[in-house]
Amino acid sequence: MRSEGVRAAHRTESGKRGPGASLTERVAVHTAGAGHITGMTTTRKLSTHPMSTRYALVAGTFALLAVGACSAQAPPPHVGAGTGTTTTQRTTQSDAPATGEAPGSATKQIPVPGGAPESTLAGTGIHIVSARSHVTDDVQLSPGQCHVKAVDAASGKFLPDPTCTPGAVDPGVTQSNLAQTICRSGYSSSVRAPATETGKAKKVSLTQYGEQSTKTTEYDHLISLELGGTNATSNLWPEPNAAAATGTTNPKDSVENKLHSALCSGQITLVAAQKAIATDWTTALAAVR
């Protein structure tokens, strides 16, 4: 930030005082830069009134003091190595980690059941993929390679092929930031991929699973977004529904909602909920303490 136009007056007399006497002013115009002051000097005629001279000298003294204070407070610039160019370092909202936290949101902590430490997903086969608001294809599958497992077809209980759809989670959602991410109202909508992307991915997935598209088939997140799942194709699959179903709502939806409530009330850890629903969503609620 530059402070310009600060003037300090130094006066000298030309001739004697009295009628017609000439008093000149040497005006030093100082520019406060970042860590230095530059200046120039001009000369002009002034009134010879003694009080005018005295006030001008006092004003000049204060002006110099103000320039010095501004220069002392200004931080030195960061100079690019070997370039001679000056850059300014500043922190903006975009520099912050992408945790899904809303500006000004509370730093509330979700309790961990029994004080148990957060476990890991190591050895589960679950992918860790950052894919907020868009679909990421992280698996290479062939047509007809995948097969749905029917646990209870009549009631709409099906499981995806674990080789094709092991599940995937967002690394930006952790046990320590649940209140600012998945336990915050509106979170799932804020990270869900647009229908234009999921529609295309669903067609490919149907081919990989050897299924036909119906009005009751949901292109579902194995680990739901409300449990920290992500929009990776390793976490998406064409989920069949009960024969009597009229829409895409299926029994897995209620399990996801109950796990989410248990997670946000401290009855289950994030990783435990993710493991349970990825392994077998039909038995996942047994993991709630």
Protein backbone atom coordinates (compact mmCIF):
# COMPACT_ATOMS: atom_id res chain seq x y z
CA MET A 1 0.00 0.00 0.00
CA ARG A 2 1.49 3.37 -0.99
CA SER A 3 1.02 6.67 0.83
CA GLU A 4 1.69 9.53 -1.57
CA GLY A 5 1.63 13.26 -1.51
CA VAL A 6 3.07 13.77 2.00
CA ARG A 7 4.87 17.08 1.94
CA ALA A 8 7.46 18.49 4.32
CA ALA A 9 8.24 22.21 4.02
CA HIS A 10 11.69 23.73 4.59
CA ARG A 11 11.72 27.48 4.24
CA THR A 12 14.57 29.86 3.45
CA GLU A 13 14.54 33.67 3.27
CA SER A 14 15.58 35.62 0.22
CA GLY A 15 16.41 39.15 1.22
CA LYS A 16 15.33 40.99 4.36
CA ARG A 17 12.00 40.90 6.08
CA GLY A 18 9.64 43.75 5.53
CA PRO A 19 7.53 45.09 2.71
CA GLY A 20 8.40 43.35 -0.51
CA ALA A 21 10.55 40.74 1.24
CA SER A 22 10.59 37.35 -0.47
CA LEU A 23 10.24 34.04 1.43
CA THR A 24 10.63 30.80 -0.50
CA GLU A 25 9.57 27.31 0.47
CA ARG A 26 11.51 24.18 -0.43
CA VAL A 27 8.81 21.51 -0.52
CA ALA A 28 10.02 17.94 -0.25
CA VAL A 29 7.38 15.58 -1.63
CA HIS A 30 7.92 12.17 -0.06
CA THR A 31 6.38 8.92 -1.29
CA ALA A 32 6.21 6.09 1.24
CA GLY A 33 6.75 2.78 -0.50
CA ALA A 34 7.12 -0.67 1.01
CA GLY A 35 10.15 -0.26 3.27
CA HIS A 36 11.58 2.95 1.66
CA ILE A 37 10.83 6.61 0.94
CA THR A 38 11.51 8.43 -2.31
CA GLY A 39 11.20 12.12 -2.80
CA MET A 40 11.56 15.25 -4.89
CA THR A 41 11.97 18.91 -3.97
CA THR A 42 10.26 21.98 -5.40
CA THR A 43 10.52 25.68 -4.50
CA ARG A 44 7.72 28.25 -4.30
CA LYS A 45 7.06 31.72 -2.84
CA LEU A 46 5.15 32.06 0.38
CA SER A 47 3.63 34.67 2.58
CA THR A 48 6.17 36.48 4.78
CA HIS A 49 3.81 36.56 7.74
CA PRO A 50 5.78 35.13 10.75
CA MET A 51 2.85 32.98 11.96
CA SER A 52 2.36 31.42 8.51
CA THR A 53 6.01 30.40 8.47
CA ARG A 54 5.81 28.92 11.97
CA TYR A 55 2.67 26.89 11.21
CA ALA A 56 4.15 25.56 7.96
CA LEU A 57 7.31 24.36 9.74
CA VAL A 58 5.25 22.56 12.41
CA ALA A 59 3.03 20.91 9.72
CA GLY A 60 6.12 19.79 7.84
CA THR A 61 7.57 18.16 10.94
CA PHE A 62 4.38 16.15 11.59
CA ALA A 63 4.22 15.10 7.91
CA LEU A 64 7.72 13.59 8.10
CA LEU A 65 6.81 11.73 11.30
CA ALA A 66 3.67 10.31 9.60
CA VAL A 67 5.71 9.06 6.62
CA GLY A 68 8.18 7.36 8.95
CA ALA A 69 5.36 5.59 10.83
CA CYS A 70 3.79 4.30 7.61
CA SER A 71 7.13 2.98 6.40
CA ALA A 72 7.84 1.22 9.70
CA GLN A 73 4.48 -0.54 9.64
CA ALA A 74 4.55 -1.66 6.00
CA PRO A 75 5.77 -5.29 5.68
CA PRO A 76 8.68 -5.90 3.32
CA PRO A 77 7.70 -7.29 -0.06
CA HIS A 78 8.53 -10.79 -1.20
CA VAL A 79 10.95 -10.58 -4.12
CA GLY A 80 11.03 -13.47 -6.55
CA ALA A 81 14.43 -15.10 -6.54
CA GLY A 82 16.50 -13.95 -9.49
CA THR A 83 13.60 -12.11 -11.11
CA GLY A 84 13.73 -8.70 -9.47
CA THR A 85 9.94 -8.66 -9.44
CA THR A 86 7.88 -7.91 -6.37
CA THR A 87 4.93 -10.09 -5.43
CA THR A 88 2.37 -9.81 -2.67
CA GLN A 89 1.43 -12.88 -0.68
CA ARG A 90 -2.16 -13.00 0.50
CA THR A 91 -4.47 -15.67 1.83
CA THR A 92 -7.90 -16.09 0.26
CA GLN A 93 -10.77 -18.44 0.90
CA SER A 94 -9.67 -20.57 -2.05
CA ASP A 95 -6.36 -21.31 -0.27
CA ALA A 96 -8.18 -23.17 2.51
CA PRO A 97 -8.49 -26.97 2.42
CA ALA A 98 -11.65 -28.29 0.74
CA THR A 99 -13.41 -29.67 3.73
CA GLY A 100 -16.95 -28.70 2.87
CA GLU A 101 -17.04 -26.30 5.80
CA ALA A 102 -19.34 -23.33 5.40
CA PRO A 103 -17.95 -19.86 6.20
CA GLY A 104 -18.57 -19.05 9.84
CA SER A 105 -19.77 -22.57 10.67
CA ALA A 106 -19.37 -23.75 14.23
CA THR A 107 -16.39 -25.84 15.36
CA LYS A 108 -18.66 -28.30 17.13
CA GLN A 109 -17.21 -31.79 17.60
CA ILE A 110 -19.17 -35.02 17.20
CA PRO A 111 -18.43 -37.36 20.13
CA VAL A 112 -16.61 -40.62 19.44
CA PRO A 113 -18.47 -43.60 20.94
CA GLY A 114 -16.77 -44.81 24.10
CA GLY A 115 -13.83 -42.52 23.40
CA ALA A 116 -12.57 -45.07 20.86
CA PRO A 117 -9.85 -43.82 18.51
CA GLU A 118 -10.70 -43.42 14.84
CA SER A 119 -9.84 -46.59 12.94
CA THR A 120 -8.64 -46.83 9.35
CA LEU A 121 -9.92 -48.22 6.07
CA ALA A 122 -6.70 -50.15 5.43
CA GLY A 123 -7.30 -53.62 4.06
CA THR A 124 -10.96 -53.00 3.19
CA GLY A 125 -10.49 -52.37 -0.52
CA ILE A 126 -12.43 -49.10 -0.20
CA HIS A 127 -11.03 -46.39 -2.46
CA ILE A 128 -10.15 -42.91 -1.26
CA VAL A 129 -11.06 -40.45 -4.00
CA SER A 130 -11.71 -36.71 -3.96
CA ALA A 131 -14.60 -36.29 -6.40
CA ARG A 132 -16.92 -33.59 -5.12
CA SER A 133 -19.59 -32.32 -7.50
CA HIS A 134 -18.41 -34.43 -10.43
CA VAL A 135 -18.06 -38.08 -11.44
CA THR A 136 -14.56 -39.57 -11.42
CA ASP A 137 -13.96 -42.84 -13.26
CA ASP A 138 -11.41 -44.69 -11.12
CA VAL A 139 -12.09 -48.28 -12.23
CA GLN A 140 -11.58 -49.97 -15.59
CA LEU A 141 -14.33 -52.54 -16.17
CA SER A 142 -15.51 -54.59 -19.10
CA PRO A 143 -19.12 -55.14 -20.27
CA GLY A 144 -20.73 -58.00 -18.38
CA GLN A 145 -17.85 -58.24 -15.91
CA CYS A 146 -19.92 -57.31 -12.83
CA HIS A 147 -22.78 -59.19 -11.18
CA VAL A 148 -25.35 -58.11 -8.60
CA LYS A 149 -25.98 -60.42 -5.65
CA ALA A 150 -29.60 -60.88 -4.60
CA VAL A 151 -30.02 -61.16 -0.80
CA ASP A 152 -33.81 -60.87 -0.94
CA ALA A 153 -35.00 -59.89 -4.38
CA ALA A 154 -38.67 -59.75 -3.36
CA SER A 155 -37.99 -56.99 -0.84
CA GLY A 156 -35.42 -55.21 -3.00
CA LYS A 157 -32.27 -56.23 -1.14
CA PHE A 158 -29.35 -56.47 -3.55
CA LEU A 159 -25.59 -56.09 -3.12
CA PRO A 160 -23.12 -54.81 -5.72
CA ASP A 161 -20.17 -56.80 -7.01
CA PRO A 162 -17.36 -56.05 -4.48
CA THR A 163 -14.72 -56.34 -7.20
CA CYS A 164 -16.41 -53.73 -9.38
CA THR A 165 -17.92 -51.56 -6.64
CA PRO A 166 -15.82 -51.73 -3.43
CA GLY A 167 -16.91 -48.25 -2.38
CA ALA A 168 -15.03 -44.94 -2.21
CA VAL A 169 -14.82 -42.17 0.38
CA ASP A 170 -13.93 -38.50 0.34
CA PRO A 171 -10.59 -37.80 2.13
CA GLY A 172 -11.90 -34.35 3.05
CA VAL A 173 -14.45 -35.87 5.46
CA THR A 174 -12.91 -36.96 8.75
CA GLN A 175 -14.04 -37.84 12.26
CA SER A 176 -12.84 -34.44 13.46
CA ASN A 177 -14.84 -32.35 10.98
CA LEU A 178 -18.18 -34.17 10.87
CA ALA A 179 -20.07 -31.15 12.21
CA GLN A 180 -18.72 -28.99 9.38
CA THR A 181 -19.23 -31.60 6.62
CA ILE A 182 -21.69 -34.50 6.51
CA CYS A 183 -23.54 -33.54 9.70
CA ARG A 184 -24.19 -30.06 8.30
CA SER A 185 -27.56 -29.53 6.66
CA GLY A 186 -27.33 -29.40 2.87
CA TYR A 187 -23.91 -31.06 2.65
CA SER A 188 -24.92 -33.95 0.35
CA SER A 189 -26.57 -31.61 -2.15
CA SER A 190 -23.46 -29.43 -2.22
CA VAL A 191 -21.18 -32.29 -3.31
CA ARG A 192 -23.54 -34.40 -5.45
CA ALA A 193 -22.53 -34.76 -9.12
CA PRO A 194 -24.92 -33.27 -11.71
CA ALA A 195 -27.42 -35.54 -13.45
CA THR A 196 -25.76 -34.85 -16.80
CA GLU A 197 -22.66 -36.70 -15.55
CA THR A 198 -24.33 -39.46 -13.54
CA GLY A 199 -26.72 -40.20 -16.43
CA LYS A 200 -23.82 -40.97 -18.77
CA ALA A 201 -21.97 -42.99 -16.13
CA LYS A 202 -25.11 -44.98 -15.35
CA LYS A 203 -25.41 -46.18 -18.95
CA VAL A 204 -21.84 -47.47 -18.87
CA SER A 205 -22.37 -49.11 -15.47
CA LEU A 206 -25.52 -50.89 -16.66
CA THR A 207 -23.49 -52.44 -19.47
CA GLN A 208 -20.75 -53.50 -17.06
CA TYR A 209 -23.35 -55.13 -14.79
CA GLY A 210 -25.24 -56.64 -17.72
CA GLU A 211 -28.51 -55.00 -16.67
CA GLN A 212 -31.34 -53.23 -18.45
CA SER A 213 -32.36 -49.77 -17.34
CA THR A 214 -35.76 -49.51 -15.66
CA LYS A 215 -37.60 -46.69 -13.96
CA THR A 216 -36.94 -48.33 -10.57
CA THR A 217 -33.16 -48.77 -11.01
CA GLU A 218 -31.21 -46.28 -8.95
CA TYR A 219 -27.63 -45.34 -9.81
CA ASP A 220 -26.65 -45.47 -6.18
CA HIS A 221 -23.65 -44.56 -4.04
CA LEU A 222 -22.62 -47.68 -2.14
CA ILE A 223 -21.23 -45.47 0.63
CA SER A 224 -23.74 -42.64 0.57
CA LEU A 225 -22.67 -39.01 0.39
CA GLU A 226 -24.18 -38.46 3.84
CA LEU A 227 -21.68 -41.02 5.18
CA GLY A 228 -18.68 -39.44 3.49
CA GLY A 229 -18.94 -41.36 0.22
CA THR A 230 -17.86 -39.79 -3.05
CA ASN A 231 -18.82 -39.61 -6.75
CA ALA A 232 -16.22 -42.12 -7.97
CA THR A 233 -17.38 -44.94 -10.24
CA SER A 234 -15.93 -47.42 -7.72
CA ASN A 235 -18.68 -46.17 -5.39
CA LEU A 236 -21.57 -46.09 -7.90
CA TRP A 237 -23.66 -48.99 -9.15
CA PRO A 238 -27.04 -49.64 -10.84
CA GLU A 239 -29.07 -50.90 -7.88
CA PRO A 240 -32.13 -53.03 -8.74
CA ASN A 241 -35.32 -52.66 -6.74
CA ALA A 242 -38.18 -54.86 -5.60
CA ALA A 243 -40.44 -56.12 -8.35
CA ALA A 244 -43.40 -54.25 -6.86
CA ALA A 245 -41.50 -50.94 -6.57
CA THR A 246 -42.84 -47.97 -8.47
CA GLY A 247 -39.81 -45.70 -8.11
CA THR A 248 -36.14 -45.69 -7.14
CA THR A 249 -36.75 -45.50 -3.37
CA ASN A 250 -35.47 -48.76 -1.87
CA PRO A 251 -34.72 -50.36 1.54
CA LYS A 252 -31.09 -49.19 1.50
CA ASP A 253 -32.19 -45.56 1.78
CA SER A 254 -33.55 -45.98 5.31
CA VAL A 255 -30.36 -47.77 6.40
CA GLU A 256 -28.27 -44.84 5.13
CA ASN A 257 -30.44 -42.35 7.04
CA LYS A 258 -30.25 -44.32 10.28
CA LEU A 259 -26.48 -44.70 10.04
CA HIS A 260 -26.16 -40.97 9.37
CA SER A 261 -28.20 -40.13 12.48
CA ALA A 262 -26.16 -42.56 14.58
CA LEU A 263 -22.92 -41.11 13.24
CA CYS A 264 -23.88 -37.50 13.93
CA SER A 265 -25.06 -38.36 17.45
CA GLY A 266 -21.85 -40.16 18.33
CA GLN A 267 -23.20 -43.71 18.32
CA ILE A 268 -20.79 -44.94 15.64
CA THR A 269 -17.53 -43.72 14.18
CA LEU A 270 -17.18 -42.50 10.61
CA VAL A 271 -14.93 -45.36 9.51
CA ALA A 272 -17.08 -47.99 11.23
CA ALA A 273 -20.18 -46.70 9.40
CA GLN A 274 -18.35 -46.65 6.07
CA LYS A 275 -17.02 -50.18 6.52
CA ALA A 276 -20.41 -51.53 7.58
CA ILE A 277 -22.37 -50.19 4.63
CA ALA A 278 -19.67 -51.05 2.08
CA THR A 279 -19.41 -54.65 3.34
CA ASP A 280 -23.14 -55.43 3.48
CA TRP A 281 -25.70 -52.67 3.80
CA THR A 282 -28.41 -55.20 4.79
CA THR A 283 -26.57 -55.86 8.10
CA ALA A 284 -24.89 -52.46 8.55
CA LEU A 285 -27.10 -51.26 11.41
CA ALA A 286 -25.68 -54.01 13.63
CA ALA A 287 -22.51 -51.91 13.85
CA VAL A 288 -24.32 -49.13 15.75
CA ARG A 289 -23.41 -49.19 19.44
